[in-house]
PDB file of all heavy atoms in Angstrom:
ATOM      1  N   THR A   1      11.410  17.904  13.318  1.00  0.00           N
ATOM      2  CA  THR A   1      10.603  19.071  13.719  1.00  0.00           C
ATOM      3  C   THR A   1       9.809  19.650  12.560  1.00  0.00           C
ATOM      4  O   THR A   1       8.970  20.519  12.754  1.00  0.00           O
ATOM      5  CB  THR A   1      11.515  20.174  14.288  1.00  0.00           C
ATOM      6  OG1 THR A   1      12.514  20.504  13.314  1.00  0.00           O
ATOM      7  CG2 THR A   1      12.201  19.698  15.563  1.00  0.00           C
ATOM      8  N   THR A   2      10.078  19.180  11.356  1.00  0.00           N
ATOM      9  CA  THR A   2       9.311  19.662  10.203  1.00  0.00           C
ATOM     10  C   THR A   2       8.176  18.690   9.918  1.00  0.00           C
ATOM     11  O   THR A   2       8.160  17.563  10.388  1.00  0.00           O
ATOM     12  CB  THR A   2      10.202  19.804   8.957  1.00  0.00           C
ATOM     13  OG1 THR A   2      10.871  18.568   8.710  1.00  0.00           O
ATOM     14  CG2 THR A   2      11.224  20.902   9.157  1.00  0.00           C
ATOM     15  N   THR A   3       7.234  19.138   9.117  1.00  0.00           N
ATOM     16  CA  THR A   3       6.028  18.351   8.878  1.00  0.00           C
ATOM     17  C   THR A   3       6.022  17.748   7.487  1.00  0.00           C
ATOM     18  O   THR A   3       6.653  18.269   6.557  1.00  0.00           O
ATOM     19  CB  THR A   3       4.771  19.221   9.054  1.00  0.00           C
ATOM     20  OG1 THR A   3       3.614  18.428   8.730  1.00  0.00           O
ATOM     21  CG2 THR A   3       4.810  20.447   8.155  1.00  0.00           C
ATOM     22  N   LEU A   4       5.294  16.631   7.344  1.00  0.00           N
ATOM     23  CA  LEU A   4       5.133  16.006   6.036  1.00  0.00           C
ATOM     24  C   LEU A   4       4.177  16.794   5.153  1.00  0.00           C
ATOM     25  O   LEU A   4       4.172  16.634   3.934  1.00  0.00           O
ATOM     26  CB  LEU A   4       4.614  14.575   6.201  1.00  0.00           C
ATOM     27  CG  LEU A   4       5.564  13.585   6.878  1.00  0.00           C
ATOM     28  CD1 LEU A   4       4.838  12.281   7.168  1.00  0.00           C
ATOM     29  CD2 LEU A   4       6.780  13.319   6.013  1.00  0.00           C
ATOM     30  N   LYS A   5       3.392  17.648   5.789  1.00  0.00           N
ATOM     31  CA  LYS A   5       2.440  18.429   5.010  1.00  0.00           C
ATOM     32  C   LYS A   5       3.170  19.388   4.069  1.00  0.00           C
ATOM     33  O   LYS A   5       4.162  19.998   4.419  1.00  0.00           O
ATOM     34  CB  LYS A   5       1.521  19.222   5.942  1.00  0.00           C
ATOM     35  CG  LYS A   5       0.574  18.344   6.762  1.00  0.00           C
ATOM     36  CD  LYS A   5      -0.323  19.180   7.650  1.00  0.00           C
ATOM     37  CE  LYS A   5      -1.274  18.296   8.444  1.00  0.00           C
ATOM     38  NZ  LYS A   5      -2.139  19.100   9.350  1.00  0.00           N
ATOM     39  N   GLY A   6       2.642  19.508   2.881  1.00  0.00           N
ATOM     40  CA  GLY A   6       3.215  20.460   1.937  1.00  0.00           C
ATOM     41  C   GLY A   6       4.325  19.900   1.072  1.00  0.00           C
ATOM     42  O   GLY A   6       4.837  20.596   0.193  1.00  0.00           O
ATOM     43  N   ILE A   7       4.720  18.629   1.296  1.00  0.00           N
ATOM     44  CA  ILE A   7       5.738  18.032   0.425  1.00  0.00           C
ATOM     45  C   ILE A   7       5.073  17.683  -0.904  1.00  0.00           C
ATOM     46  O   ILE A   7       4.094  16.940  -0.944  1.00  0.00           O
ATOM     47  CB  ILE A   7       6.345  16.762   1.054  1.00  0.00           C
ATOM     48  CG1 ILE A   7       7.006  17.080   2.387  1.00  0.00           C
ATOM     49  CG2 ILE A   7       7.368  16.136   0.106  1.00  0.00           C
ATOM     50  CD1 ILE A   7       7.528  15.858   3.111  1.00  0.00           C
ATOM     51  N   PRO A   8       5.585  18.203  -2.003  1.00  0.00           N
ATOM     52  CA  PRO A   8       4.941  17.973  -3.302  1.00  0.00           C
ATOM     53  C   PRO A   8       4.886  16.491  -3.678  1.00  0.00           C
ATOM     54  O   PRO A   8       5.831  15.750  -3.435  1.00  0.00           O
ATOM     55  CB  PRO A   8       5.831  18.745  -4.279  1.00  0.00           C
ATOM     56  CG  PRO A   8       6.568  19.736  -3.441  1.00  0.00           C
ATOM     57  CD  PRO A   8       6.757  19.073  -2.106  1.00  0.00           C
ATOM     58  N   LYS A   9       3.768  16.085  -4.232  1.00  0.00           N
ATOM     59  CA  LYS A   9       3.588  14.756  -4.831  1.00  0.00           C
ATOM     60  C   LYS A   9       3.890  13.621  -3.856  1.00  0.00           C
ATOM     61  O   LYS A   9       4.337  12.546  -4.251  1.00  0.00           O
ATOM     62  CB  LYS A   9       4.445  14.633  -6.091  1.00  0.00           C
ATOM     63  CG  LYS A   9       4.079  15.670  -7.149  1.00  0.00           C
ATOM     64  CD  LYS A   9       4.967  15.613  -8.365  1.00  0.00           C
ATOM     65  CE  LYS A   9       4.584  16.720  -9.359  1.00  0.00           C
ATOM     66  NZ  LYS A   9       5.471  16.760 -10.518  1.00  0.00           N
ATOM     67  N   ALA A  10       3.630  13.854  -2.568  1.00  0.00           N
ATOM     68  CA  ALA A  10       3.871  12.838  -1.548  1.00  0.00           C
ATOM     69  C   ALA A  10       2.563  12.195  -1.110  1.00  0.00           C
ATOM     70  O   ALA A  10       1.540  12.863  -0.990  1.00  0.00           O
ATOM     71  CB  ALA A  10       4.579  13.458  -0.347  1.00  0.00           C
ATOM     72  N   ALA A  11       2.601  10.891  -0.880  1.00  0.00           N
ATOM     73  CA  ALA A  11       1.423  10.165  -0.401  1.00  0.00           C
ATOM     74  C   ALA A  11       1.873   9.049   0.519  1.00  0.00           C
ATOM     75  O   ALA A  11       2.875   8.373   0.264  1.00  0.00           O
ATOM     76  CB  ALA A  11       0.625   9.591  -1.566  1.00  0.00           C
ATOM     77  N   PHE A  12       1.134   8.853   1.609  1.00  0.00           N
ATOM     78  CA  PHE A  12       1.460   7.809   2.564  1.00  0.00           C
ATOM     79  C   PHE A  12       1.105   6.439   1.992  1.00  0.00           C
ATOM     80  O   PHE A  12       0.050   6.256   1.382  1.00  0.00           O
ATOM     81  CB  PHE A  12       0.698   8.043   3.869  1.00  0.00           C
ATOM     82  CG  PHE A  12       1.057   7.083   4.966  1.00  0.00           C
ATOM     83  CD1 PHE A  12       2.325   7.069   5.512  1.00  0.00           C
ATOM     84  CD2 PHE A  12       0.120   6.190   5.454  1.00  0.00           C
ATOM     85  CE1 PHE A  12       2.659   6.176   6.525  1.00  0.00           C
ATOM     86  CE2 PHE A  12       0.441   5.296   6.471  1.00  0.00           C
ATOM     87  CZ  PHE A  12       1.714   5.294   7.001  1.00  0.00           C
ATOM     88  N   PHE A  13       1.997   5.462   2.189  1.00  0.00           N
ATOM     89  CA  PHE A  13       1.798   4.104   1.708  1.00  0.00           C
ATOM     90  C   PHE A  13       1.505   3.213   2.910  1.00  0.00           C
ATOM     91  O   PHE A  13       2.365   3.024   3.776  1.00  0.00           O
ATOM     92  CB  PHE A  13       3.049   3.616   0.980  1.00  0.00           C
ATOM     93  CG  PHE A  13       2.905   2.252   0.349  1.00  0.00           C
ATOM     94  CD1 PHE A  13       2.510   2.123  -0.972  1.00  0.00           C
ATOM     95  CD2 PHE A  13       3.162   1.102   1.085  1.00  0.00           C
ATOM     96  CE1 PHE A  13       2.381   0.870  -1.551  1.00  0.00           C
ATOM     97  CE2 PHE A  13       3.026  -0.153   0.525  1.00  0.00           C
ATOM     98  CZ  PHE A  13       2.636  -0.265  -0.799  1.00  0.00           C
ATOM     99  N   PHE A  14       0.277   2.676   2.975  1.00  0.00           N
ATOM    100  CA  PHE A  14      -0.136   1.825   4.089  1.00  0.00           C
ATOM    101  C   PHE A  14      -0.246   0.394   3.582  1.00  0.00           C
ATOM    102  O   PHE A  14      -1.172   0.032   2.860  1.00  0.00           O
ATOM    103  CB  PHE A  14      -1.467   2.310   4.663  1.00  0.00           C
ATOM    104  CG  PHE A  14      -1.880   1.617   5.932  1.00  0.00           C
ATOM    105  CD1 PHE A  14      -1.020   1.507   7.005  1.00  0.00           C
ATOM    106  CD2 PHE A  14      -3.160   1.083   6.054  1.00  0.00           C
ATOM    107  CE1 PHE A  14      -1.402   0.872   8.182  1.00  0.00           C
ATOM    108  CE2 PHE A  14      -3.567   0.454   7.229  1.00  0.00           C
ATOM    109  CZ  PHE A  14      -2.680   0.353   8.298  1.00  0.00           C
ATOM    110  N   ALA A  15       0.732  -0.436   3.963  1.00  0.00           N
ATOM    111  CA  ALA A  15       0.842  -1.789   3.411  1.00  0.00           C
ATOM    112  C   ALA A  15      -0.407  -2.650   3.606  1.00  0.00           C
ATOM    113  O   ALA A  15      -0.797  -3.380   2.681  1.00  0.00           O
ATOM    114  CB  ALA A  15       2.073  -2.479   3.990  1.00  0.00           C
ATOM    115  N   PRO A  16      -1.056  -2.648   4.792  1.00  0.00           N
ATOM    116  CA  PRO A  16      -2.247  -3.503   4.952  1.00  0.00           C
ATOM    117  C   PRO A  16      -3.334  -3.245   3.914  1.00  0.00           C
ATOM    118  O   PRO A  16      -4.011  -4.182   3.475  1.00  0.00           O
ATOM    119  CB  PRO A  16      -2.728  -3.151   6.370  1.00  0.00           C
ATOM    120  CG  PRO A  16      -1.481  -2.776   7.095  1.00  0.00           C
ATOM    121  CD  PRO A  16      -0.656  -2.032   6.076  1.00  0.00           C
ATOM    122  N   THR A  17      -3.519  -1.996   3.512  1.00  0.00           N
ATOM    123  CA  THR A  17      -4.513  -1.693   2.483  1.00  0.00           C
ATOM    124  C   THR A  17      -4.105  -2.306   1.152  1.00  0.00           C
ATOM    125  O   THR A  17      -4.932  -2.896   0.428  1.00  0.00           O
ATOM    126  CB  THR A  17      -4.677  -0.172   2.317  1.00  0.00           C
ATOM    127  OG1 THR A  17      -5.123   0.385   3.554  1.00  0.00           O
ATOM    128  CG2 THR A  17      -5.685   0.160   1.226  1.00  0.00           C
ATOM    129  N   HIS A  18      -2.818  -2.210   0.835  1.00  0.00           N
ATOM    130  CA  HIS A  18      -2.339  -2.722  -0.452  1.00  0.00           C
ATOM    131  C   HIS A  18      -2.364  -4.248  -0.501  1.00  0.00           C
ATOM    132  O   HIS A  18      -2.637  -4.823  -1.559  1.00  0.00           O
ATOM    133  CB  HIS A  18      -0.934  -2.183  -0.731  1.00  0.00           C
ATOM    134  CG  HIS A  18      -0.919  -0.744  -1.151  1.00  0.00           C
ATOM    135  ND1 HIS A  18      -0.992  -0.350  -2.474  1.00  0.00           N
ATOM    136  CD2 HIS A  18      -0.887   0.399  -0.428  1.00  0.00           C
ATOM    137  CE1 HIS A  18      -0.971   0.977  -2.540  1.00  0.00           C
ATOM    138  NE2 HIS A  18      -0.916   1.453  -1.317  1.00  0.00           N
ATOM    139  N   ILE A  19      -2.089  -4.922   0.620  1.00  0.00           N
ATOM    140  CA  ILE A  19      -2.150  -6.387   0.593  1.00  0.00           C
ATOM    141  C   ILE A  19      -3.586  -6.859   0.417  1.00  0.00           C
ATOM    142  O   ILE A  19      -3.854  -7.830  -0.295  1.00  0.00           O
ATOM    143  CB  ILE A  19      -1.514  -7.015   1.861  1.00  0.00           C
ATOM    144  CG1 ILE A  19      -1.296  -8.513   1.675  1.00  0.00           C
ATOM    145  CG2 ILE A  19      -2.361  -6.795   3.100  1.00  0.00           C
ATOM    146  CD1 ILE A  19      -0.139  -8.914   0.862  1.00  0.00           C
ATOM    147  N   GLN A  20      -4.536  -6.161   1.001  1.00  0.00           N
ATOM    148  CA  GLN A  20      -5.939  -6.512   0.806  1.00  0.00           C
ATOM    149  C   GLN A  20      -6.350  -6.316  -0.653  1.00  0.00           C
ATOM    150  O   GLN A  20      -7.099  -7.123  -1.218  1.00  0.00           O
ATOM    151  CB  GLN A  20      -6.834  -5.687   1.736  1.00  0.00           C
ATOM    152  CG  GLN A  20      -6.703  -6.041   3.214  1.00  0.00           C
ATOM    153  CD  GLN A  20      -6.985  -7.510   3.498  1.00  0.00           C
ATOM    154  OE1 GLN A  20      -7.902  -8.107   2.933  1.00  0.00           O
ATOM    155  NE2 GLN A  20      -6.185  -8.103   4.379  1.00  0.00           N
ATOM    156  N   ASN A  21      -5.845  -5.243  -1.259  1.00  0.00           N
ATOM    157  CA  ASN A  21      -6.120  -5.004  -2.681  1.00  0.00           C
ATOM    158  C   ASN A  21      -5.544  -6.124  -3.544  1.00  0.00           C
ATOM    159  O   ASN A  21      -6.175  -6.560  -4.518  1.00  0.00           O
ATOM    160  CB  ASN A  21      -5.557  -3.657  -3.119  1.00  0.00           C
ATOM    161  CG  ASN A  21      -6.303  -2.490  -2.511  1.00  0.00           C
ATOM    162  OD1 ASN A  21      -7.436  -2.629  -2.056  1.00  0.00           O
ATOM    163  ND2 ASN A  21      -5.677  -1.328  -2.494  1.00  0.00           N
ATOM    164  N   LYS A  22      -4.358  -6.597  -3.172  1.00  0.00           N
ATOM    165  CA  LYS A  22      -3.731  -7.683  -3.936  1.00  0.00           C
ATOM    166  C   LYS A  22      -4.505  -8.985  -3.748  1.00  0.00           C
ATOM    167  O   LYS A  22      -4.655  -9.778  -4.679  1.00  0.00           O
ATOM    168  CB  LYS A  22      -2.274  -7.857  -3.500  1.00  0.00           C
ATOM    169  CG  LYS A  22      -1.347  -6.828  -4.129  1.00  0.00           C
ATOM    170  CD  LYS A  22      -1.111  -7.183  -5.593  1.00  0.00           C
ATOM    171  CE  LYS A  22      -0.574  -6.006  -6.382  1.00  0.00           C
ATOM    172  NZ  LYS A  22      -1.592  -5.135  -6.938  1.00  0.00           N
ATOM    173  N   TYR A  23      -5.012  -9.225  -2.551  1.00  0.00           N
ATOM    174  CA  TYR A  23      -5.814 -10.425  -2.328  1.00  0.00           C
ATOM    175  C   TYR A  23      -7.060 -10.410  -3.217  1.00  0.00           C
ATOM    176  O   TYR A  23      -7.478 -11.445  -3.742  1.00  0.00           O
ATOM    177  CB  TYR A  23      -6.237 -10.515  -0.865  1.00  0.00           C
ATOM    178  CG  TYR A  23      -5.152 -10.983   0.089  1.00  0.00           C
ATOM    179  CD1 TYR A  23      -5.259 -10.756   1.452  1.00  0.00           C
ATOM    180  CD2 TYR A  23      -4.033 -11.671  -0.377  1.00  0.00           C
ATOM    181  CE1 TYR A  23      -4.265 -11.193   2.331  1.00  0.00           C
ATOM    182  CE2 TYR A  23      -3.039 -12.100   0.480  1.00  0.00           C
ATOM    183  CZ  TYR A  23      -3.164 -11.859   1.839  1.00  0.00           C
ATOM    184  OH  TYR A  23      -2.192 -12.294   2.696  1.00  0.00           O
ATOM    185  N   LYS A  24      -7.646  -9.230  -3.380  1.00  0.00           N
ATOM    186  CA  LYS A  24      -8.827  -9.110  -4.234  1.00  0.00           C
ATOM    187  C   LYS A  24      -8.460  -9.259  -5.712  1.00  0.00           C
ATOM    188  O   LYS A  24      -9.204  -9.874  -6.487  1.00  0.00           O
ATOM    189  CB  LYS A  24      -9.499  -7.753  -4.011  1.00  0.00           C
ATOM    190  CG  LYS A  24     -10.150  -7.604  -2.647  1.00  0.00           C
ATOM    191  CD  LYS A  24     -10.711  -6.206  -2.445  1.00  0.00           C
ATOM    192  CE  LYS A  24     -11.287  -6.036  -1.043  1.00  0.00           C
ATOM    193  NZ  LYS A  24     -11.741  -4.638  -0.802  1.00  0.00           N
ATOM    194  N   GLU A  25      -7.324  -8.708  -6.107  1.00  0.00           N
ATOM    195  CA  GLU A  25      -6.925  -8.717  -7.519  1.00  0.00           C
ATOM    196  C   GLU A  25      -6.347 -10.065  -7.946  1.00  0.00           C
ATOM    197  O   GLU A  25      -6.714 -10.619  -8.990  1.00  0.00           O
ATOM    198  CB  GLU A  25      -5.883  -7.616  -7.754  1.00  0.00           C
ATOM    199  CG  GLU A  25      -5.375  -7.546  -9.186  1.00  0.00           C
ATOM    200  CD  GLU A  25      -4.252  -6.544  -9.359  1.00  0.00           C
ATOM    201  OE1 GLU A  25      -3.965  -5.779  -8.401  1.00  0.00           O
ATOM    202  OE2 GLU A  25      -3.644  -6.524 -10.451  1.00  0.00           O
ATOM    203  N   TRP A  26      -5.403 -10.584  -7.164  1.00  0.00           N
ATOM    204  CA  TRP A  26      -4.707 -11.813  -7.521  1.00  0.00           C
ATOM    205  C   TRP A  26      -5.257 -13.049  -6.822  1.00  0.00           C
ATOM    206  O   TRP A  26      -5.016 -14.174  -7.259  1.00  0.00           O
ATOM    207  CB  TRP A  26      -3.218 -11.712  -7.165  1.00  0.00           C
ATOM    208  CG  TRP A  26      -2.429 -10.696  -7.932  1.00  0.00           C
ATOM    209  CD1 TRP A  26      -2.788 -10.086  -9.102  1.00  0.00           C
ATOM    210  CD2 TRP A  26      -1.145 -10.181  -7.589  1.00  0.00           C
ATOM    211  NE1 TRP A  26      -1.801  -9.219  -9.509  1.00  0.00           N
ATOM    212  CE2 TRP A  26      -0.777  -9.261  -8.601  1.00  0.00           C
ATOM    213  CE3 TRP A  26      -0.252 -10.393  -6.546  1.00  0.00           C
ATOM    214  CZ2 TRP A  26       0.428  -8.570  -8.586  1.00  0.00           C
ATOM    215  CZ3 TRP A  26       0.947  -9.712  -6.528  1.00  0.00           C
ATOM    216  CH2 TRP A  26       1.281  -8.807  -7.536  1.00  0.00           C
ATOM    217  N   GLY A  27      -5.938 -12.839  -5.711  1.00  0.00           N
ATOM    218  CA  GLY A  27      -6.354 -13.952  -4.860  1.00  0.00           C
ATOM    219  C   GLY A  27      -5.275 -14.205  -3.812  1.00  0.00           C
ATOM    220  O   GLY A  27      -4.089 -14.024  -4.084  1.00  0.00           O
ATOM    221  N   PRO A  28      -5.672 -14.638  -2.604  1.00  0.00           N
ATOM    222  CA  PRO A  28      -4.701 -14.855  -1.526  1.00  0.00           C
ATOM    223  C   PRO A  28      -3.626 -15.891  -1.872  1.00  0.00           C
ATOM    224  O   PRO A  28      -2.460 -15.715  -1.528  1.00  0.00           O
ATOM    225  CB  PRO A  28      -5.575 -15.345  -0.367  1.00  0.00           C
ATOM    226  CG  PRO A  28      -6.925 -14.795  -0.649  1.00  0.00           C
ATOM    227  CD  PRO A  28      -7.057 -14.812  -2.143  1.00  0.00           C
ATOM    228  N   GLU A  29      -4.007 -16.962  -2.558  1.00  0.00           N
ATOM    229  CA  GLU A  29      -3.045 -18.027  -2.847  1.00  0.00           C
ATOM    230  C   GLU A  29      -1.931 -17.526  -3.759  1.00  0.00           C
ATOM    231  O   GLU A  29      -0.738 -17.735  -3.481  1.00  0.00           O
ATOM    232  CB  GLU A  29      -3.760 -19.220  -3.487  1.00  0.00           C
ATOM    233  CG  GLU A  29      -2.844 -20.419  -3.685  1.00  0.00           C
ATOM    234  CD  GLU A  29      -3.587 -21.648  -4.174  1.00  0.00           C
ATOM    235  OE1 GLU A  29      -4.835 -21.655  -4.143  1.00  0.00           O
ATOM    236  OE2 GLU A  29      -2.905 -22.614  -4.574  1.00  0.00           O
ATOM    237  N   LYS A  30      -2.278 -16.840  -4.852  1.00  0.00           N
ATOM    238  CA  LYS A  30      -1.263 -16.334  -5.774  1.00  0.00           C
ATOM    239  C   LYS A  30      -0.418 -15.257  -5.104  1.00  0.00           C
ATOM    240  O   LYS A  30       0.814 -15.243  -5.250  1.00  0.00           O
ATOM    241  CB  LYS A  30      -1.919 -15.764  -7.030  1.00  0.00           C
ATOM    242  CG  LYS A  30      -0.910 -15.175  -8.017  1.00  0.00           C
ATOM    243  CD  LYS A  30      -1.586 -14.586  -9.251  1.00  0.00           C
ATOM    244  CE  LYS A  30      -0.552 -13.931 -10.177  1.00  0.00           C
ATOM    245  NZ  LYS A  30      -1.192 -13.337 -11.378  1.00  0.00           N
ATOM    246  N   THR A  31      -1.075 -14.362  -4.355  1.00  0.00           N
ATOM    247  CA  THR A  31      -0.347 -13.281  -3.684  1.00  0.00           C
ATOM    248  C   THR A  31       0.685 -13.851  -2.726  1.00  0.00           C
ATOM    249  O   THR A  31       1.864 -13.442  -2.737  1.00  0.00           O
ATOM    250  CB  THR A  31      -1.317 -12.367  -2.911  1.00  0.00           C
ATOM    251  OG1 THR A  31      -2.272 -11.822  -3.819  1.00  0.00           O
ATOM    252  CG2 THR A  31      -0.567 -11.238  -2.228  1.00  0.00           C
ATOM    253  N   ASN A  32       0.269 -14.790  -1.888  1.00  0.00           N
ATOM    254  CA  ASN A  32       1.179 -15.358  -0.894  1.00  0.00           C
ATOM    255  C   ASN A  32       2.290 -16.171  -1.547  1.00  0.00           C
ATOM    256  O   ASN A  32       3.435 -16.167  -1.064  1.00  0.00           O
ATOM    257  CB  ASN A  32       0.408 -16.212   0.105  1.00  0.00           C
ATOM    258  CG  ASN A  32      -0.464 -15.372   1.019  1.00  0.00           C
ATOM    259  OD1 ASN A  32      -0.143 -14.227   1.315  1.00  0.00           O
ATOM    260  ND2 ASN A  32      -1.583 -15.935   1.465  1.00  0.00           N
ATOM    261  N   LEU A  33       1.972 -16.863  -2.622  1.00  0.00           N
ATOM    262  CA  LEU A  33       2.996 -17.632  -3.333  1.00  0.00           C
ATOM    263  C   LEU A  33       4.063 -16.704  -3.905  1.00  0.00           C
ATOM    264  O   LEU A  33       5.274 -16.954  -3.748  1.00  0.00           O
ATOM    265  CB  LEU A  33       2.359 -18.464  -4.451  1.00  0.00           C
ATOM    266  CG  LEU A  33       3.346 -19.260  -5.321  1.00  0.00           C
ATOM    267  CD1 LEU A  33       4.100 -20.280  -4.474  1.00  0.00           C
ATOM    268  CD2 LEU A  33       2.600 -19.962  -6.466  1.00  0.00           C
ATOM    269  N   MET A  34       3.633 -15.629  -4.563  1.00  0.00           N
ATOM    270  CA  MET A  34       4.592 -14.682  -5.143  1.00  0.00           C
ATOM    271  C   MET A  34       5.424 -14.009  -4.053  1.00  0.00           C
ATOM    272  O   MET A  34       6.650 -13.867  -4.176  1.00  0.00           O
ATOM    273  CB  MET A  34       3.851 -13.627  -5.973  1.00  0.00           C
ATOM    274  CG  MET A  34       3.264 -14.145  -7.262  1.00  0.00           C
ATOM    275  SD  MET A  34       2.352 -12.870  -8.178  1.00  0.00           S
ATOM    276  CE  MET A  34       3.661 -11.694  -8.567  1.00  0.00           C
TER     277      MET A  34
END
């Protein structure tokens, strides 16, 4: 019943965005291998 708003230093982590970032940084082959 309480909200996530107002929690100090909190940020939502959305995995699809981060995997796309890793594909750009490491490349899909290295990312998937690791």
